[in-house]
Structures are given as C-alpha cells and as structure tokens.
Amino acid sequence: MKNKLLFATQLFVILCLVLISIFNIFNIESDKLSLPFSYPTDNIIEDYIFHQFVYVSGAVNRPGVYQIFEGERLINLVNRAGGFSENADYLHIAQNVNLAAKLKDEEKYFFPEIPKENSITNTVTTLININTADKALIETLPGIGPSLAEEIINSRPYESIQDLLDVSGIGESIYGKIKELVKI
C-alpha cells in the first residue's frame, strides 16, 4: 500500500512538472491565450457594457451612430459629425438646441435643415405678413393647417404678433414656432 501511495505521489509530481514545462516552452500566460489569428480580446465585454452610443442626423455633414463618452457635450458630437451642413437651420438650432448639453446613451439628435420655401433661389423667403398673406402662404408656417390658417385670416387685423395668441387653436407651442417667421 505504501508503494502505491508513493508511486501515485511521484506520478502526480512528474505530471505537474511536465505541465509547467509545457507552459514555459510555449510561453503561455495564464490570463491570455495565444490564438493563431488576430482578434481584439482587450475589454470585449467592457465595450458592450460600458460604452454608450447615440445617433445624429439631419443637417450634419456625416450623420450616423457615434460612440460617446461620459460627460461628452452635444457640440463635441456635432464636430465629430463634420459640423453643421451648409443648409442647417441655424436660427432654429440657436433658439431650440442646447449645444452645451451632456449626451445621453441611446438618444437621437436631429438638426433641422432650412425649409426650401423658394426653390428658385433656394433661400428662406422674407417674413410672412399675417395681415395680408393668403391662406396658402399662411399654411406654410409650422403647425398651421388649413383650418388654423382660416382662423388666422378671420381674426384680422392684428396690431402685434402676440395677437396670434388670441386665435383659437394657437397656443404657446405653435406661437413659439411661428413668431420669428411672421410680421405685421
């Protein structure tokens, strides 16, 4: 029995030495295996768990999905997307978009383009006079449909742009969208 126990112990020691030798010969580290092909093994799980992504579209030069980093600001994303395109609606962006805002994972950031109201010159037309404009022209304003355009016409004359708030159907939201686009 002693001989069997001694033999098993010796066999175990020899196997351990052989395994240690094999690891040393092939220089295999215990935490990394050498693969016969290249594969990015660094932080694979971390890439999927800790990285955040957003989608930017509209009036930027390179719309798409971008990886963001903790605390990154919207202006940085715009710059990485090639900046605003030449047809970006800068007035709308300046009034409605906080470029200093911190980005949030899985968000979509859309930047509008200038409406193509005058296809001949491809520029924004002059302000719309709400006291003289016809129904079709008033309907080009954001949030204004046929019935609301009719209400605007029926409520004439206006002494100030703020008088639009007295028109049935125009609240603060629609007024905020059109106040910079109309005149008296």
C-alpha atoms as a PDB file:
ATOM      1  CA  MET A   1       0.000   0.000   0.000  1.00  0.00           C
ATOM      2  CA  LYS A   2       2.900   2.324   0.813  1.00  0.00           C
ATOM      3  CA  ASN A   3       4.408   1.643  -2.584  1.00  0.00           C
ATOM      4  CA  LYS A   4       1.157   2.532  -4.379  1.00  0.00           C
ATOM      5  CA  LEU A   5       0.846   5.799  -2.453  1.00  0.00           C
ATOM      6  CA  LEU A   6       4.496   6.669  -3.135  1.00  0.00           C
ATOM      7  CA  PHE A   7       4.052   5.828  -6.838  1.00  0.00           C
ATOM      8  CA  ALA A   8       0.890   7.991  -7.105  1.00  0.00           C
ATOM      9  CA  THR A   9       2.660  10.919  -5.427  1.00  0.00           C
ATOM     10  CA  GLN A  10       5.663  10.617  -7.723  1.00  0.00           C
ATOM     11  CA  LEU A  11       3.404  10.377 -10.787  1.00  0.00           C
ATOM     12  CA  PHE A  12       1.497  13.482  -9.668  1.00  0.00           C
ATOM     13  CA  VAL A  13       4.732  15.467  -9.194  1.00  0.00           C
ATOM     14  CA  ILE A  14       6.034  14.378 -12.599  1.00  0.00           C
ATOM     15  CA  LEU A  15       2.756  15.391 -14.324  1.00  0.00           C
ATOM     16  CA  CYS A  16       2.884  18.797 -12.633  1.00  0.00           C
ATOM     17  CA  LEU A  17       6.477  19.323 -13.780  1.00  0.00           C
ATOM     18  CA  VAL A  18       5.580  18.298 -17.333  1.00  0.00           C
ATOM     19  CA  LEU A  19       2.652  20.745 -17.428  1.00  0.00           C
ATOM     20  CA  ILE A  20       4.792  23.565 -16.034  1.00  0.00           C
ATOM     21  CA  SER A  21       7.444  22.816 -18.653  1.00  0.00           C
ATOM     22  CA  ILE A  22       4.891  22.850 -21.464  1.00  0.00           C
ATOM     23  CA  PHE A  23       3.555  26.230 -20.327  1.00  0.00           C
ATOM     24  CA  ASN A  24       7.086  27.628 -20.129  1.00  0.00           C
ATOM     25  CA  ILE A  25       8.106  26.238 -23.518  1.00  0.00           C
ATOM     26  CA  PHE A  26       5.141  27.751 -25.340  1.00  0.00           C
ATOM     27  CA  ASN A  27       5.223  30.906 -23.180  1.00  0.00           C
ATOM     28  CA  ILE A  28       1.506  30.735 -22.483  1.00  0.00           C
ATOM     29  CA  GLU A  29       0.354  33.155 -19.832  1.00  0.00           C
ATOM     30  CA  SER A  30      -2.396  32.032 -17.535  1.00  0.00           C
ATOM     31  CA  ASP A  31      -4.643  35.054 -18.275  1.00  0.00           C
ATOM     32  CA  LYS A  32      -4.129  35.241 -22.061  1.00  0.00           C
ATOM     33  CA  LEU A  33      -4.055  32.534 -24.660  1.00  0.00           C
ATOM     34  CA  SER A  34      -2.142  32.942 -27.870  1.00  0.00           C
ATOM     35  CA  LEU A  35      -4.506  32.454 -30.784  1.00  0.00           C
ATOM     36  CA  PRO A  36      -3.415  31.632 -34.336  1.00  0.00           C
ATOM     37  CA  PHE A  37      -5.379  34.642 -35.646  1.00  0.00           C
ATOM     38  CA  SER A  38      -5.740  38.216 -34.521  1.00  0.00           C
ATOM     39  CA  TYR A  39      -8.849  39.054 -32.565  1.00  0.00           C
ATOM     40  CA  PRO A  40      -9.330  42.123 -30.378  1.00  0.00           C
ATOM     41  CA  THR A  41      -9.520  40.482 -26.967  1.00  0.00           C
ATOM     42  CA  ASP A  42      -8.947  43.588 -24.863  1.00  0.00           C
ATOM     43  CA  ASN A  43     -12.065  44.638 -22.986  1.00  0.00           C
ATOM     44  CA  ILE A  44     -14.572  42.857 -25.251  1.00  0.00           C
ATOM     45  CA  ILE A  45     -17.189  42.658 -22.522  1.00  0.00           C
ATOM     46  CA  GLU A  46     -16.374  46.192 -21.369  1.00  0.00           C
ATOM     47  CA  ASP A  47     -17.010  47.510 -24.911  1.00  0.00           C
ATOM     48  CA  TYR A  48     -20.584  46.246 -24.837  1.00  0.00           C
ATOM     49  CA  ILE A  49     -21.383  47.092 -21.246  1.00  0.00           C
ATOM     50  CA  PHE A  50     -19.750  50.449 -20.592  1.00  0.00           C
ATOM     51  CA  HIS A  51     -19.685  52.253 -23.921  1.00  0.00           C
ATOM     52  CA  GLN A  52     -22.575  54.414 -24.985  1.00  0.00           C
ATOM     53  CA  PHE A  53     -23.866  55.245 -28.453  1.00  0.00           C
ATOM     54  CA  VAL A  54     -26.057  57.981 -29.966  1.00  0.00           C
ATOM     55  CA  TYR A  55     -27.498  58.670 -33.402  1.00  0.00           C
ATOM     56  CA  VAL A  56     -27.069  62.077 -35.017  1.00  0.00           C
ATOM     57  CA  SER A  57     -28.968  63.006 -38.174  1.00  0.00           C
ATOM     58  CA  GLY A  58     -30.294  65.900 -40.199  1.00  0.00           C
ATOM     59  CA  ALA A  59     -28.172  68.902 -41.107  1.00  0.00           C
ATOM     60  CA  VAL A  60     -24.738  67.498 -40.213  1.00  0.00           C
ATOM     61  CA  ASN A  61     -22.064  66.535 -42.726  1.00  0.00           C
ATOM     62  CA  ARG A  62     -21.618  62.932 -41.501  1.00  0.00           C
ATOM     63  CA  PRO A  63     -24.838  61.628 -39.907  1.00  0.00           C
ATOM     64  CA  GLY A  64     -24.668  58.255 -38.205  1.00  0.00           C
ATOM     65  CA  VAL A  65     -24.160  56.342 -34.976  1.00  0.00           C
ATOM     66  CA  TYR A  66     -21.343  57.580 -32.748  1.00  0.00           C
ATOM     67  CA  GLN A  67     -19.778  56.206 -29.594  1.00  0.00           C
ATOM     68  CA  ILE A  68     -19.883  58.761 -26.810  1.00  0.00           C
ATOM     69  CA  PHE A  69     -18.017  59.101 -23.574  1.00  0.00           C
ATOM     70  CA  GLU A  70     -19.171  60.010 -20.079  1.00  0.00           C
ATOM     71  CA  GLY A  71     -19.766  63.761 -19.803  1.00  0.00           C
ATOM     72  CA  GLU A  72     -19.350  64.498 -23.528  1.00  0.00           C
ATOM     73  CA  ARG A  73     -21.240  67.562 -24.806  1.00  0.00           C
ATOM     74  CA  LEU A  74     -23.521  67.910 -27.831  1.00  0.00           C
ATOM     75  CA  ILE A  75     -21.178  70.391 -29.530  1.00  0.00           C
ATOM     76  CA  ASN A  76     -18.428  67.722 -29.489  1.00  0.00           C
ATOM     77  CA  LEU A  77     -20.764  65.285 -31.246  1.00  0.00           C
ATOM     78  CA  VAL A  78     -21.613  67.887 -33.903  1.00  0.00           C
ATOM     79  CA  ASN A  79     -17.902  68.486 -34.520  1.00  0.00           C
ATOM     80  CA  ARG A  80     -17.201  64.750 -34.770  1.00  0.00           C
ATOM     81  CA  ALA A  81     -20.069  64.506 -37.276  1.00  0.00           C
ATOM     82  CA  GLY A  82     -18.274  67.008 -39.521  1.00  0.00           C
ATOM     83  CA  GLY A  83     -20.072  70.097 -38.235  1.00  0.00           C
ATOM     84  CA  PHE A  84     -23.342  71.514 -39.484  1.00  0.00           C
ATOM     85  CA  SER A  85     -24.060  71.263 -43.197  1.00  0.00           C
ATOM     86  CA  GLU A  86     -24.468  74.410 -45.282  1.00  0.00           C
ATOM     87  CA  ASN A  87     -28.260  74.068 -45.231  1.00  0.00           C
ATOM     88  CA  ALA A  88     -28.553  73.790 -41.416  1.00  0.00           C
ATOM     89  CA  ASP A  89     -31.298  75.910 -39.880  1.00  0.00           C
ATOM     90  CA  TYR A  90     -29.007  77.917 -37.591  1.00  0.00           C
ATOM     91  CA  LEU A  91     -31.850  80.097 -36.298  1.00  0.00           C
ATOM     92  CA  HIS A  92     -33.836  77.067 -35.138  1.00  0.00           C
ATOM     93  CA  ILE A  93     -30.735  75.428 -33.676  1.00  0.00           C
ATOM     94  CA  ALA A  94     -29.715  78.585 -31.805  1.00  0.00           C
ATOM     95  CA  GLN A  95     -33.209  79.040 -30.351  1.00  0.00           C
ATOM     96  CA  ASN A  96     -34.077  75.425 -29.545  1.00  0.00           C
ATOM     97  CA  VAL A  97     -30.918  73.339 -29.088  1.00  0.00           C
ATOM     98  CA  ASN A  98     -28.595  73.461 -26.103  1.00  0.00           C
ATOM     99  CA  LEU A  99     -25.227  72.599 -27.657  1.00  0.00           C
ATOM    100  CA  ALA A 100     -23.679  72.519 -24.169  1.00  0.00           C
ATOM    101  CA  ALA A 101     -25.971  69.668 -23.034  1.00  0.00           C
ATOM    102  CA  LYS A 102     -24.389  66.402 -21.934  1.00  0.00           C
ATOM    103  CA  LEU A 103     -25.099  63.481 -24.244  1.00  0.00           C
ATOM    104  CA  LYS A 104     -27.238  60.535 -23.131  1.00  0.00           C
ATOM    105  CA  ASP A 105     -26.883  56.929 -24.225  1.00  0.00           C
ATOM    106  CA  GLU A 106     -29.276  55.658 -26.929  1.00  0.00           C
ATOM    107  CA  GLU A 107     -30.550  59.142 -27.833  1.00  0.00           C
ATOM    108  CA  LYS A 108     -31.226  60.535 -31.302  1.00  0.00           C
ATOM    109  CA  TYR A 109     -30.106  64.087 -32.013  1.00  0.00           C
ATOM    110  CA  PHE A 110     -31.716  65.665 -35.082  1.00  0.00           C
ATOM    111  CA  PHE A 111     -30.740  69.043 -36.521  1.00  0.00           C
ATOM    112  CA  PRO A 112     -33.243  70.559 -38.987  1.00  0.00           C
ATOM    113  CA  GLU A 113     -32.410  71.994 -42.360  1.00  0.00           C
ATOM    114  CA  ILE A 114     -33.616  75.327 -43.706  1.00  0.00           C
ATOM    115  CA  PRO A 115     -37.035  74.831 -45.297  1.00  0.00           C
ATOM    116  CA  LYS A 116     -36.862  75.112 -49.077  1.00  0.00           C
ATOM    117  CA  GLU A 117     -39.676  77.617 -49.456  1.00  0.00           C
ATOM    118  CA  ASN A 118     -38.335  79.288 -52.563  1.00  0.00           C
ATOM    119  CA  SER A 119     -36.928  76.675 -54.925  1.00  0.00           C
ATOM    120  CA  ILE A 120     -35.697  79.270 -57.467  1.00  0.00           C
ATOM    121  CA  THR A 121     -33.228  80.978 -55.144  1.00  0.00           C
ATOM    122  CA  ASN A 122     -33.069  78.170 -52.550  1.00  0.00           C
ATOM    123  CA  THR A 123     -33.100  80.719 -49.726  1.00  0.00           C
ATOM    124  CA  VAL A 124     -35.514  81.464 -46.932  1.00  0.00           C
ATOM    125  CA  THR A 125     -38.110  83.951 -48.066  1.00  0.00           C
ATOM    126  CA  THR A 126     -38.995  87.150 -46.218  1.00  0.00           C
ATOM    127  CA  LEU A 127     -41.251  87.180 -43.184  1.00  0.00           C
ATOM    128  CA  ILE A 128     -44.934  86.493 -43.783  1.00  0.00           C
ATOM    129  CA  ASN A 129     -47.251  89.432 -43.158  1.00  0.00           C
ATOM    130  CA  ILE A 130     -50.164  87.910 -41.244  1.00  0.00           C
ATOM    131  CA  ASN A 131     -52.459  90.819 -42.133  1.00  0.00           C
ATOM    132  CA  THR A 132     -52.044  90.415 -45.912  1.00  0.00           C
ATOM    133  CA  ALA A 133     -50.896  86.826 -46.607  1.00  0.00           C
ATOM    134  CA  ASP A 134     -53.264  84.442 -48.343  1.00  0.00           C
ATOM    135  CA  LYS A 135     -54.329  81.085 -46.882  1.00  0.00           C
ATOM    136  CA  ALA A 136     -51.790  79.050 -48.874  1.00  0.00           C
ATOM    137  CA  LEU A 137     -48.877  81.165 -47.638  1.00  0.00           C
ATOM    138  CA  ILE A 138     -50.043  81.015 -44.010  1.00  0.00           C
ATOM    139  CA  GLU A 139     -50.263  77.210 -44.279  1.00  0.00           C
ATOM    140  CA  THR A 140     -46.507  77.089 -44.948  1.00  0.00           C
ATOM    141  CA  LEU A 141     -45.889  78.100 -41.324  1.00  0.00           C
ATOM    142  CA  PRO A 142     -45.007  75.208 -38.986  1.00  0.00           C
ATOM    143  CA  GLY A 143     -48.033  73.762 -37.179  1.00  0.00           C
ATOM    144  CA  ILE A 144     -50.549  75.679 -39.309  1.00  0.00           C
ATOM    145  CA  GLY A 145     -53.040  73.637 -41.315  1.00  0.00           C
ATOM    146  CA  PRO A 146     -55.973  74.731 -43.489  1.00  0.00           C
ATOM    147  CA  SER A 147     -58.470  75.303 -40.651  1.00  0.00           C
ATOM    148  CA  LEU A 148     -55.981  77.217 -38.492  1.00  0.00           C
ATOM    149  CA  ALA A 149     -54.939  79.342 -41.482  1.00  0.00           C
ATOM    150  CA  GLU A 150     -58.633  80.196 -41.979  1.00  0.00           C
ATOM    151  CA  GLU A 151     -58.905  81.175 -38.278  1.00  0.00           C
ATOM    152  CA  ILE A 152     -55.868  83.465 -38.634  1.00  0.00           C
ATOM    153  CA  ILE A 153     -57.400  85.168 -41.671  1.00  0.00           C
ATOM    154  CA  ASN A 154     -60.807  85.561 -39.970  1.00  0.00           C
ATOM    155  CA  SER A 155     -59.200  87.181 -36.887  1.00  0.00           C
ATOM    156  CA  ARG A 156     -57.592  90.054 -38.845  1.00  0.00           C
ATOM    157  CA  PRO A 157     -56.443  92.784 -38.440  1.00  0.00           C
ATOM    158  CA  TYR A 158     -53.568  92.249 -35.992  1.00  0.00           C
ATOM    159  CA  GLU A 159     -51.814  95.066 -34.171  1.00  0.00           C
ATOM    160  CA  SER A 160     -48.960  92.899 -32.891  1.00  0.00           C
ATOM    161  CA  ILE A 161     -47.636  89.411 -33.472  1.00  0.00           C
ATOM    162  CA  GLN A 162     -48.690  88.483 -29.937  1.00  0.00           C
ATOM    163  CA  ASP A 163     -52.303  88.943 -31.022  1.00  0.00           C
ATOM    164  CA  LEU A 164     -51.937  85.499 -32.647  1.00  0.00           C
ATOM    165  CA  LEU A 165     -52.268  84.016 -29.159  1.00  0.00           C
ATOM    166  CA  ASP A 166     -55.911  85.170 -29.222  1.00  0.00           C
ATOM    167  CA  VAL A 167     -56.644  82.984 -32.261  1.00  0.00           C
ATOM    168  CA  SER A 168     -58.477  79.788 -31.331  1.00  0.00           C
ATOM    169  CA  GLY A 169     -56.079  76.869 -31.814  1.00  0.00           C
ATOM    170  CA  ILE A 170     -52.838  78.806 -31.395  1.00  0.00           C
ATOM    171  CA  GLY A 171     -51.203  78.161 -28.062  1.00  0.00           C
ATOM    172  CA  GLU A 172     -47.726  78.861 -26.739  1.00  0.00           C
ATOM    173  CA  SER A 173     -46.281  75.889 -28.636  1.00  0.00           C
ATOM    174  CA  ILE A 174     -47.419  76.936 -32.123  1.00  0.00           C
ATOM    175  CA  TYR A 175     -46.817  80.595 -31.338  1.00  0.00           C
ATOM    176  CA  GLY A 176     -43.229  79.774 -30.362  1.00  0.00           C
ATOM    177  CA  LYS A 177     -42.692  78.075 -33.736  1.00  0.00           C
ATOM    178  CA  ILE A 178     -44.080  80.889 -35.889  1.00  0.00           C
ATOM    179  CA  LYS A 179     -43.376  84.161 -34.026  1.00  0.00           C
ATOM    180  CA  GLU A 180     -39.974  84.601 -35.733  1.00  0.00           C
ATOM    181  CA  LEU A 181     -41.449  83.838 -39.168  1.00  0.00           C
ATOM    182  CA  VAL A 182     -44.257  86.403 -39.284  1.00  0.00           C
ATOM    183  CA  LYS A 183     -44.621  90.174 -39.247  1.00  0.00           C
ATOM    184  CA  ILE A 184     -47.393  92.800 -39.097  1.00  0.00           C
END
